[in-house]
Amino acid sequence: MAMIFQEPMTSLNPVFRCGEQVAEVRRFHFAEGKKAAKEKALELFRQVQFDDPERIYRSYPHQLSGGQRQRVMIAMALAGNPTLLIADEPTSALDVTVQREILLLLKALQQDWKGAMLFISHDLHVVRHVADKVLVMKAGEVVEQGGVEEVFRNPKHPYTKQLIDDSRMHPRKTPQVPQIQSEPLVAVHHLKTWFPSVKSFFGKTLQWVKAVDDVSLSVYPGETLGIVGESGSGKSTLGRSLLLLEEPQAGEVLYQSRNLATLEKGAWKKVRKDLQIIFQDPFASLNPRLTVGQAIMEPMAVHGIFATKKEREAEALRLLKKVGLEEEHFHRLPEAFSGGQRQRICIARALALQPRFLICDECVSALDVTIQARILDLLMQLKYELGLTYIFISHDLAVVRSISDRIAVMKDGKVVEIGEAEELF
């Protein structure tokens, strides 16, 4: 029996290389030697569609993207040849190409082992593709079950009908895209963010991972720029580099025509309030010792939003309700929530500072279709009300198409195409 967990960053040991963690399964359960276990780990990495298995084997979890970490988890689960595989959102962080390959792999391996798979997902399209039978759960109870085609073609329960309707992603009306001659809110010129991959004995870098490689783009006030690309294409690194959370090797990032790299400390604090990000991994983004209410109120206190604690509490409760959570969640710790609920907490925390520019890095990938639709509608509503500008990073093309004005396509660290959403699709 094996399980693919929903949040790979919290399931992988941060101090061991990824390949060693997969090889350990073979050594422990099959008494394989070090060399044989490594060969099996590399074979599994090739099966889960890694182009450079040797690099992945040498990498630590923090050096990989969310989608790459998820594939490492899948390889680790398959290393034990389980007869029952429990897959909890195993493809939620993967682009459609890799997702399809992984689903085909899981189905093929399932037939080889003649084993069973319990596939947990909020993505109805994936469930329909991979499952034989389906159970629909709401509030801890099974409200409907049956053959997959029977349930999808003739749903009985109102909740099932709502899920199926919400899964048909409808385009969201967006304001008119700002004219190109207007001043961009954020502009990026020839940005490069590289990471050392292989070093010599004396510490000299021999190979680089070009996560962001000579990227230039502009984002205009009130616009939503979608960024799509396969897992490991550099989408998340670009988002972090825009806020200088990753230090670029070259290039510049301008906010309102000011170079962020040359801002003084006092000016940086004001800019930080305007520029916010919703990270891909919500559990790693939340302080495990702070309650949800404290996590949302902390940035308000740091930036002097609202004069009293009582006002900040009222605002935090309002934001929780906005993202579909309850007042009772205010005093709970992050560990008490599901991945999707933690993602909504991170969205509420980012909105607490009333930013002008928001980077959404896979911010709805962990949410079921109903909550996903609610959050996307909320983001569009805030865009109208507050004049927000978004960069929306996702591997889900339907989501990006529904919310974006323009879309940039990334591959191997480069923007290979950019244009109007309707033209690209």
Protein backbone atom coordinates (compact mmCIF):
# COMPACT_ATOMS: atom_id res chain seq x y z
CA MET A 1 0.00 0.00 0.00
CA ALA A 2 1.33 3.46 -0.90
CA MET A 3 0.06 7.02 -0.88
CA ILE A 4 0.77 10.08 -2.99
CA PHE A 5 0.19 13.02 -0.67
CA GLN A 6 -1.40 16.30 -1.71
CA GLU A 7 1.45 18.59 -0.56
CA PRO A 8 4.82 17.18 -1.66
CA MET A 9 6.89 19.90 0.05
CA THR A 10 5.66 18.74 3.45
CA SER A 11 6.03 15.05 2.54
CA LEU A 12 9.60 15.10 1.20
CA ASN A 13 12.55 15.29 3.60
CA PRO A 14 14.19 18.70 2.96
CA VAL A 15 17.73 17.55 3.92
CA PHE A 16 17.94 14.54 1.56
CA ARG A 17 18.28 14.61 -2.20
CA CYS A 18 15.16 13.57 -4.08
CA GLY A 19 16.77 10.57 -5.73
CA GLU A 20 18.04 9.22 -2.41
CA GLN A 21 14.52 9.36 -0.98
CA VAL A 22 13.14 7.29 -3.86
CA ALA A 23 16.07 4.85 -3.79
CA GLU A 24 15.57 4.39 -0.04
CA VAL A 25 12.20 2.75 -0.74
CA ARG A 26 13.88 0.12 -2.94
CA ARG A 27 16.67 -0.54 -0.43
CA PHE A 28 14.26 -0.86 2.50
CA HIS A 29 11.52 -2.98 0.90
CA PHE A 30 13.49 -4.99 -1.67
CA ALA A 31 16.98 -5.12 -0.08
CA GLU A 32 18.51 -3.75 -3.29
CA GLY A 33 22.07 -2.51 -3.36
CA LYS A 34 22.87 1.17 -3.68
CA LYS A 35 23.60 0.97 -7.42
CA ALA A 36 20.47 -1.05 -8.28
CA ALA A 37 18.28 1.23 -6.17
CA LYS A 38 19.67 4.29 -7.94
CA GLU A 39 19.03 2.76 -11.37
CA LYS A 40 15.43 2.00 -10.39
CA ALA A 41 14.95 5.57 -9.10
CA LEU A 42 16.27 6.99 -12.38
CA GLU A 43 13.96 4.65 -14.33
CA LEU A 44 10.97 5.89 -12.29
CA PHE A 45 11.99 9.51 -12.89
CA ARG A 46 12.00 8.82 -16.63
CA GLN A 47 8.55 7.22 -16.34
CA VAL A 48 7.13 10.35 -14.68
CA GLN A 49 8.40 12.46 -17.60
CA PHE A 50 11.57 14.08 -16.24
CA ASP A 51 13.83 15.22 -19.09
CA ASP A 52 16.97 15.16 -16.90
CA PRO A 53 16.59 12.36 -14.32
CA GLU A 54 20.19 12.71 -13.11
CA ARG A 55 19.66 16.36 -12.17
CA ILE A 56 16.42 15.53 -10.36
CA TYR A 57 18.20 12.71 -8.50
CA ARG A 58 20.83 15.18 -7.23
CA SER A 59 18.36 17.95 -6.38
CA TYR A 60 16.90 18.80 -2.99
CA PRO A 61 13.11 19.37 -2.79
CA HIS A 62 13.44 23.16 -2.48
CA GLN A 63 15.35 23.26 -5.77
CA LEU A 64 12.38 21.91 -7.75
CA SER A 65 9.09 23.42 -8.83
CA GLY A 66 5.79 22.34 -7.29
CA GLY A 67 4.96 20.15 -10.28
CA GLN A 68 8.40 18.53 -10.24
CA ARG A 69 8.10 17.75 -6.52
CA GLN A 70 4.71 16.17 -7.17
CA ARG A 71 6.25 13.88 -9.78
CA VAL A 72 8.99 12.88 -7.32
CA MET A 73 6.23 11.90 -4.87
CA ILE A 74 4.55 9.81 -7.57
CA ALA A 75 7.85 8.06 -8.35
CA MET A 76 8.39 7.35 -4.64
CA ALA A 77 4.91 5.86 -4.27
CA LEU A 78 5.41 3.63 -7.32
CA ALA A 79 8.85 2.46 -6.13
CA GLY A 80 7.26 -0.04 -3.74
CA ASN A 81 5.10 -1.77 -6.40
CA PRO A 82 1.96 -1.29 -4.26
CA THR A 83 -1.22 -3.34 -4.70
CA LEU A 84 -3.28 -0.39 -3.43
CA LEU A 85 -2.29 3.14 -4.41
CA ILE A 86 -4.04 6.06 -2.70
CA ALA A 87 -3.50 9.13 -4.87
CA ASP A 88 -4.50 12.39 -3.16
CA GLU A 89 -4.55 15.12 -5.83
CA PRO A 90 -1.52 13.58 -7.62
CA THR A 91 -1.78 15.75 -10.74
CA SER A 92 -3.10 19.06 -9.36
CA ALA A 93 0.23 20.87 -9.89
CA LEU A 94 0.99 19.41 -13.33
CA ASP A 95 0.50 20.94 -16.75
CA VAL A 96 -1.93 19.19 -19.09
CA THR A 97 0.76 17.41 -21.12
CA VAL A 98 2.53 15.88 -18.13
CA GLN A 99 -0.83 15.28 -16.42
CA ARG A 100 -2.00 13.16 -19.34
CA GLU A 101 1.25 11.15 -19.36
CA ILE A 102 1.06 10.56 -15.59
CA LEU A 103 -2.57 9.40 -15.79
CA LEU A 104 -1.72 7.00 -18.63
CA LEU A 105 1.25 5.76 -16.59
CA LEU A 106 -0.86 5.17 -13.47
CA LYS A 107 -3.50 3.30 -15.47
CA ALA A 108 -0.88 1.17 -17.24
CA LEU A 109 0.95 0.35 -14.01
CA GLN A 110 -2.34 -0.46 -12.31
CA GLN A 111 -3.05 -3.05 -15.00
CA ASP A 112 0.47 -4.47 -14.65
CA TRP A 113 0.19 -4.91 -10.86
CA LYS A 114 -3.48 -5.89 -11.13
CA GLY A 115 -3.91 -3.61 -8.13
CA ALA A 116 -6.43 -1.00 -7.08
CA MET A 117 -6.22 2.78 -7.01
CA LEU A 118 -8.16 5.22 -4.86
CA PHE A 119 -7.96 8.50 -6.78
CA ILE A 120 -8.88 11.64 -4.83
CA SER A 121 -9.32 14.83 -6.86
CA HIS A 122 -11.36 18.00 -7.24
CA ASP A 123 -10.74 17.94 -11.02
CA LEU A 124 -13.81 16.30 -12.54
CA HIS A 125 -12.23 15.97 -15.98
CA VAL A 126 -9.34 13.97 -14.52
CA VAL A 127 -11.68 11.79 -12.44
CA ARG A 128 -13.80 10.99 -15.48
CA HIS A 129 -10.70 10.02 -17.44
CA VAL A 130 -9.08 7.77 -14.83
CA ALA A 131 -11.88 6.25 -12.70
CA ASP A 132 -14.19 3.25 -13.13
CA LYS A 133 -16.49 4.18 -10.23
CA VAL A 134 -16.92 7.55 -8.56
CA LEU A 135 -18.03 8.71 -5.10
CA VAL A 136 -19.12 12.32 -4.55
CA MET A 137 -18.53 13.65 -1.04
CA LYS A 138 -19.94 16.70 0.70
CA ALA A 139 -19.38 17.70 4.35
CA GLY A 140 -17.87 14.30 5.17
CA GLU A 141 -20.70 12.25 3.65
CA VAL A 142 -21.05 10.34 0.38
CA VAL A 143 -23.99 11.98 -1.40
CA GLU A 144 -23.80 10.01 -4.66
CA GLN A 145 -21.92 7.06 -6.11
CA GLY A 146 -21.99 4.88 -9.19
CA GLY A 147 -20.29 4.12 -12.48
CA VAL A 148 -18.31 7.10 -13.72
CA GLU A 149 -20.30 7.61 -16.94
CA GLU A 150 -23.61 7.08 -15.14
CA VAL A 151 -22.82 9.78 -12.56
CA PHE A 152 -21.46 12.28 -15.09
CA ARG A 153 -24.24 11.84 -17.64
CA ASN A 154 -27.14 11.55 -15.23
CA PRO A 155 -26.27 13.10 -11.85
CA LYS A 156 -28.97 12.73 -9.19
CA HIS A 157 -27.86 14.85 -6.24
CA PRO A 158 -28.03 18.68 -6.51
CA TYR A 159 -24.43 18.98 -5.27
CA THR A 160 -23.17 16.68 -8.03
CA LYS A 161 -25.09 18.71 -10.61
CA GLN A 162 -23.54 21.92 -9.26
CA LEU A 163 -20.02 20.46 -9.42
CA ILE A 164 -20.47 19.35 -13.01
CA ASP A 165 -21.90 22.73 -14.02
CA ASP A 166 -19.09 24.64 -12.30
CA SER A 167 -16.49 22.45 -14.02
CA ARG A 168 -17.56 23.95 -17.34
CA MET A 169 -15.30 26.99 -17.05
CA HIS A 170 -17.20 30.03 -18.33
CA PRO A 171 -15.26 33.07 -19.55
CA ARG A 172 -15.38 35.92 -17.05
CA LYS A 173 -16.07 39.36 -18.44
CA THR A 174 -13.06 41.56 -17.94
CA PRO A 175 -12.71 45.31 -18.30
CA GLN A 176 -11.30 46.65 -21.53
CA VAL A 177 -7.59 45.96 -21.68
CA PRO A 178 -5.61 49.19 -21.14
CA GLN A 179 -4.23 50.70 -24.30
CA ILE A 180 -0.65 49.74 -25.02
CA GLN A 181 0.44 53.40 -25.11
CA SER A 182 -0.49 53.79 -21.42
CA GLU A 183 2.30 53.59 -18.85
CA PRO A 184 2.84 50.00 -17.62
CA LEU A 185 2.39 49.38 -13.91
CA VAL A 186 5.12 46.73 -13.95
CA ALA A 187 7.78 46.34 -16.62
CA VAL A 188 10.46 43.66 -16.88
CA HIS A 189 13.55 44.09 -19.07
CA HIS A 190 15.88 41.19 -19.98
CA LEU A 191 15.42 39.42 -16.65
CA LYS A 192 17.67 36.43 -15.92
CA THR A 193 17.41 34.23 -12.83
CA TRP A 194 19.80 31.29 -12.94
CA PHE A 195 20.60 28.69 -10.29
CA PRO A 196 23.83 26.66 -10.02
CA SER A 197 23.20 23.02 -10.92
CA VAL A 198 26.66 21.42 -10.86
CA LYS A 199 29.71 22.76 -9.01
CA SER A 200 33.34 21.69 -9.13
CA PHE A 201 35.31 20.47 -6.11
CA PHE A 202 36.50 24.04 -5.58
CA GLY A 203 33.00 25.52 -5.70
CA LYS A 204 33.07 26.85 -9.26
CA THR A 205 29.70 26.59 -11.02
CA LEU A 206 29.96 24.24 -14.00
CA GLN A 207 26.28 24.13 -15.02
CA TRP A 208 23.35 26.48 -14.53
CA VAL A 209 19.59 25.96 -14.46
CA LYS A 210 18.24 28.87 -16.49
CA ALA A 211 14.92 29.19 -14.67
CA VAL A 212 14.24 32.65 -16.14
CA ASP A 213 16.26 33.44 -19.24
CA ASP A 214 16.13 36.91 -20.79
CA VAL A 215 12.44 37.62 -20.16
CA SER A 216 10.91 40.99 -21.06
CA LEU A 217 7.24 41.89 -20.59
CA SER A 218 4.92 44.64 -19.37
CA VAL A 219 1.74 44.56 -17.28
CA TYR A 220 -0.68 47.48 -17.56
CA PRO A 221 -2.96 48.94 -14.86
CA GLY A 222 -6.18 46.93 -14.47
CA GLU A 223 -4.90 44.10 -16.68
CA THR A 224 -4.70 40.38 -15.94
CA LEU A 225 -1.67 38.79 -17.58
CA GLY A 226 -1.84 35.00 -17.55
CA ILE A 227 1.38 32.98 -17.57
CA VAL A 228 1.20 29.35 -18.68
CA GLY A 229 3.76 26.67 -19.34
CA GLU A 230 4.71 23.14 -18.47
CA SER A 231 5.96 22.08 -15.05
CA GLY A 232 9.48 23.45 -14.53
CA SER A 233 9.23 26.07 -17.28
CA GLY A 234 10.08 28.93 -14.89
CA LYS A 235 6.62 30.38 -14.18
CA SER A 236 6.91 30.48 -10.39
CA THR A 237 10.54 31.65 -10.46
CA LEU A 238 9.50 34.53 -12.72
CA GLY A 239 6.77 35.49 -10.25
CA ARG A 240 9.20 35.48 -7.30
CA SER A 241 11.83 37.34 -9.32
CA LEU A 242 9.37 40.15 -10.07
CA LEU A 243 9.23 40.84 -6.32
CA LEU A 244 12.99 40.22 -5.92
CA LEU A 245 12.27 37.24 -3.67
CA GLU A 246 14.73 35.52 -6.00
CA GLU A 247 17.73 37.68 -6.87
CA PRO A 248 18.12 38.00 -10.65
CA GLN A 249 21.57 37.73 -12.24
CA ALA A 250 20.69 40.40 -14.79
CA GLY A 251 17.88 42.64 -15.98
CA GLU A 252 15.57 45.01 -14.14
CA VAL A 253 12.05 45.13 -12.71
CA LEU A 254 10.26 48.49 -12.79
CA TYR A 255 7.20 49.37 -10.71
CA GLN A 256 5.62 52.69 -11.71
CA SER A 257 8.87 53.37 -13.61
CA ARG A 258 11.00 52.88 -10.46
CA ASN A 259 13.69 50.21 -10.45
CA LEU A 260 12.96 47.93 -7.49
CA ALA A 261 16.62 46.95 -7.09
CA THR A 262 17.65 50.56 -6.35
CA LEU A 263 14.89 51.45 -3.87
CA GLU A 264 15.90 52.46 -0.36
CA LYS A 265 14.59 50.52 2.63
CA GLY A 266 11.88 53.04 3.53
CA ALA A 267 10.55 53.16 -0.03
CA TRP A 268 10.66 49.36 -0.25
CA LYS A 269 8.23 49.00 2.65
CA LYS A 270 5.64 51.16 0.88
CA VAL A 271 6.11 49.24 -2.35
CA ARG A 272 5.83 45.87 -0.56
CA LYS A 273 2.31 46.81 0.50
CA ASP A 274 1.34 47.37 -3.14
CA LEU A 275 2.99 44.20 -4.48
CA GLN A 276 1.71 40.91 -3.07
CA ILE A 277 1.94 37.24 -4.02
CA ILE A 278 -0.15 34.16 -3.31
CA PHE A 279 2.36 31.30 -3.23
CA GLN A 280 1.88 27.90 -4.81
CA ASP A 281 2.38 25.89 -1.60
CA PRO A 282 0.04 27.23 1.09
CA PHE A 283 1.27 25.05 3.95
CA ALA A 284 4.87 26.23 3.50
CA SER A 285 3.63 29.85 3.29
CA LEU A 286 1.76 29.92 6.62
CA ASN A 287 3.46 30.14 10.01
CA PRO A 288 2.41 26.91 11.79
CA ARG A 289 2.43 28.69 15.17
CA LEU A 290 0.06 31.50 14.19
CA THR A 291 -3.69 31.07 14.09
CA VAL A 292 -5.48 31.97 10.88
CA GLY A 293 -6.64 35.27 12.37
CA GLN A 294 -3.12 36.18 13.50
CA ALA A 295 -1.68 35.31 10.07
CA ILE A 296 -4.13 37.65 8.34
CA MET A 297 -3.81 40.47 10.89
CA GLU A 298 0.00 40.42 11.09
CA PRO A 299 0.66 42.20 7.75
CA MET A 300 -2.02 44.78 8.61
CA ALA A 301 -0.21 45.58 11.87
CA VAL A 302 3.19 45.77 10.15
CA HIS A 303 1.93 48.24 7.55
CA GLY A 304 -0.29 50.25 9.90
CA ILE A 305 -3.61 49.31 8.29
CA PHE A 306 -6.40 50.10 10.78
CA ALA A 307 -5.63 51.79 14.08
CA THR A 308 -6.87 49.15 16.51
CA LYS A 309 -6.70 45.39 16.91
CA LYS A 310 -10.49 45.23 16.98
CA GLU A 311 -10.68 46.81 13.52
CA ARG A 312 -8.07 44.39 12.19
CA GLU A 313 -10.01 41.44 13.60
CA ALA A 314 -13.20 42.65 11.93
CA GLU A 315 -11.38 43.01 8.59
CA ALA A 316 -9.81 39.54 8.94
CA LEU A 317 -13.23 38.00 9.60
CA ARG A 318 -14.66 39.83 6.58
CA LEU A 319 -11.86 38.48 4.36
CA LEU A 320 -12.36 34.93 5.63
CA LYS A 321 -16.02 35.13 4.72
CA LYS A 322 -15.11 36.56 1.29
CA VAL A 323 -13.01 33.49 0.47
CA GLY A 324 -15.64 31.03 1.70
CA LEU A 325 -14.40 30.28 5.23
CA GLU A 326 -16.26 30.62 8.53
CA GLU A 327 -15.82 32.76 11.64
CA GLU A 328 -15.00 29.63 13.65
CA HIS A 329 -11.82 29.17 11.57
CA PHE A 330 -10.35 32.42 12.92
CA HIS A 331 -8.72 30.80 15.99
CA ARG A 332 -7.48 27.58 14.38
CA LEU A 333 -3.93 26.71 13.31
CA PRO A 334 -3.05 25.92 9.66
CA GLU A 335 -2.61 22.20 10.41
CA ALA A 336 -6.37 21.93 11.04
CA PHE A 337 -7.23 22.74 7.41
CA SER A 338 -7.21 20.96 4.07
CA GLY A 339 -4.92 22.09 1.26
CA GLY A 340 -7.75 23.99 -0.44
CA GLN A 341 -8.74 25.76 2.78
CA ARG A 342 -5.13 26.79 3.42
CA GLN A 343 -4.98 28.21 -0.08
CA ARG A 344 -8.02 30.37 0.67
CA ILE A 345 -6.37 31.58 3.88
CA CYS A 346 -3.33 32.68 1.83
CA ILE A 347 -5.62 34.54 -0.58
CA ALA A 348 -7.28 36.34 2.34
CA ARG A 349 -3.87 37.26 3.78
CA ALA A 350 -2.67 38.69 0.46
CA LEU A 351 -5.83 40.79 0.12
CA ALA A 352 -5.45 42.14 3.67
CA LEU A 353 -2.93 44.76 2.51
CA GLN A 354 -5.24 46.06 -0.24
CA PRO A 355 -2.49 45.65 -2.88
CA ARG A 356 -2.43 47.23 -6.33
CA PHE A 357 -0.55 44.37 -8.00
CA LEU A 358 -1.11 40.71 -7.11
CA ILE A 359 0.79 37.67 -8.37
CA CYS A 360 -1.39 34.55 -8.15
CA ASP A 361 0.87 31.50 -8.38
CA GLU A 362 -1.41 28.47 -8.88
CA CYS A 363 -3.76 30.08 -6.35
CA VAL A 364 -6.78 27.93 -7.29
CA SER A 365 -5.03 24.66 -8.20
CA ALA A 366 -5.89 23.03 -4.84
CA LEU A 367 -9.56 24.08 -4.89
CA ASP A 368 -12.61 22.13 -6.01
CA VAL A 369 -14.47 23.55 -9.00
CA THR A 370 -17.19 25.26 -6.96
CA ILE A 371 -14.75 27.10 -4.65
CA GLN A 372 -12.48 27.71 -7.64
CA ALA A 373 -15.30 29.47 -9.48
CA ARG A 374 -16.10 31.51 -6.35
CA ILE A 375 -12.46 32.61 -5.92
CA LEU A 376 -12.08 33.54 -9.59
CA ASP A 377 -15.29 35.58 -9.40
CA LEU A 378 -13.96 37.23 -6.21
CA LEU A 379 -10.68 38.13 -7.94
CA MET A 380 -12.59 39.66 -10.84
CA GLN A 381 -14.88 41.55 -8.45
CA LEU A 382 -11.86 42.98 -6.60
CA LYS A 383 -10.32 43.89 -9.92
CA TYR A 384 -13.35 46.05 -10.69
CA GLU A 385 -13.73 47.49 -7.17
CA LEU A 386 -10.08 48.18 -6.34
CA GLY A 387 -8.51 48.50 -9.78
CA LEU A 388 -6.23 45.52 -9.11
CA THR A 389 -3.67 44.30 -11.62
CA TYR A 390 -2.87 40.57 -11.75
CA ILE A 391 -0.26 38.18 -12.98
CA PHE A 392 -2.06 34.84 -12.95
CA ILE A 393 0.29 31.84 -13.10
CA SER A 394 -1.30 28.46 -13.79
CA HIS A 395 -0.92 25.22 -15.72
CA ASP A 396 -4.73 25.07 -16.12
CA LEU A 397 -5.43 26.55 -19.54
CA ALA A 398 -9.20 26.75 -18.99
CA VAL A 399 -8.74 28.81 -15.81
CA VAL A 400 -6.18 31.12 -17.42
CA ARG A 401 -8.37 31.66 -20.47
CA SER A 402 -11.40 32.49 -18.32
CA ILE A 403 -9.68 35.25 -16.32
CA SER A 404 -6.87 36.69 -18.47
CA ASP A 405 -6.74 39.62 -20.87
CA ARG A 406 -3.36 38.62 -22.30
CA ILE A 407 -1.40 35.39 -21.94
CA ALA A 408 2.35 34.71 -21.98
CA VAL A 409 3.56 31.18 -22.74
CA MET A 410 6.82 30.04 -21.08
CA LYS A 411 9.13 27.19 -22.03
CA ASP A 412 12.61 26.49 -20.64
CA GLY A 413 12.75 29.84 -18.87
CA LYS A 414 11.81 31.93 -21.91
CA VAL A 415 8.59 33.63 -22.99
CA VAL A 416 8.01 31.99 -26.36
CA GLU A 417 4.68 33.68 -27.14
CA ILE A 418 2.53 36.49 -25.75
CA GLY A 419 -0.77 37.83 -27.01
CA GLU A 420 -4.46 38.46 -26.43
CA ALA A 421 -6.23 35.57 -24.69
CA GLU A 422 -8.84 35.14 -27.42
CA GLU A 423 -6.19 35.12 -30.15
CA LEU A 424 -4.06 32.44 -28.47
CA PHE A 425 -7.04 30.15 -27.85
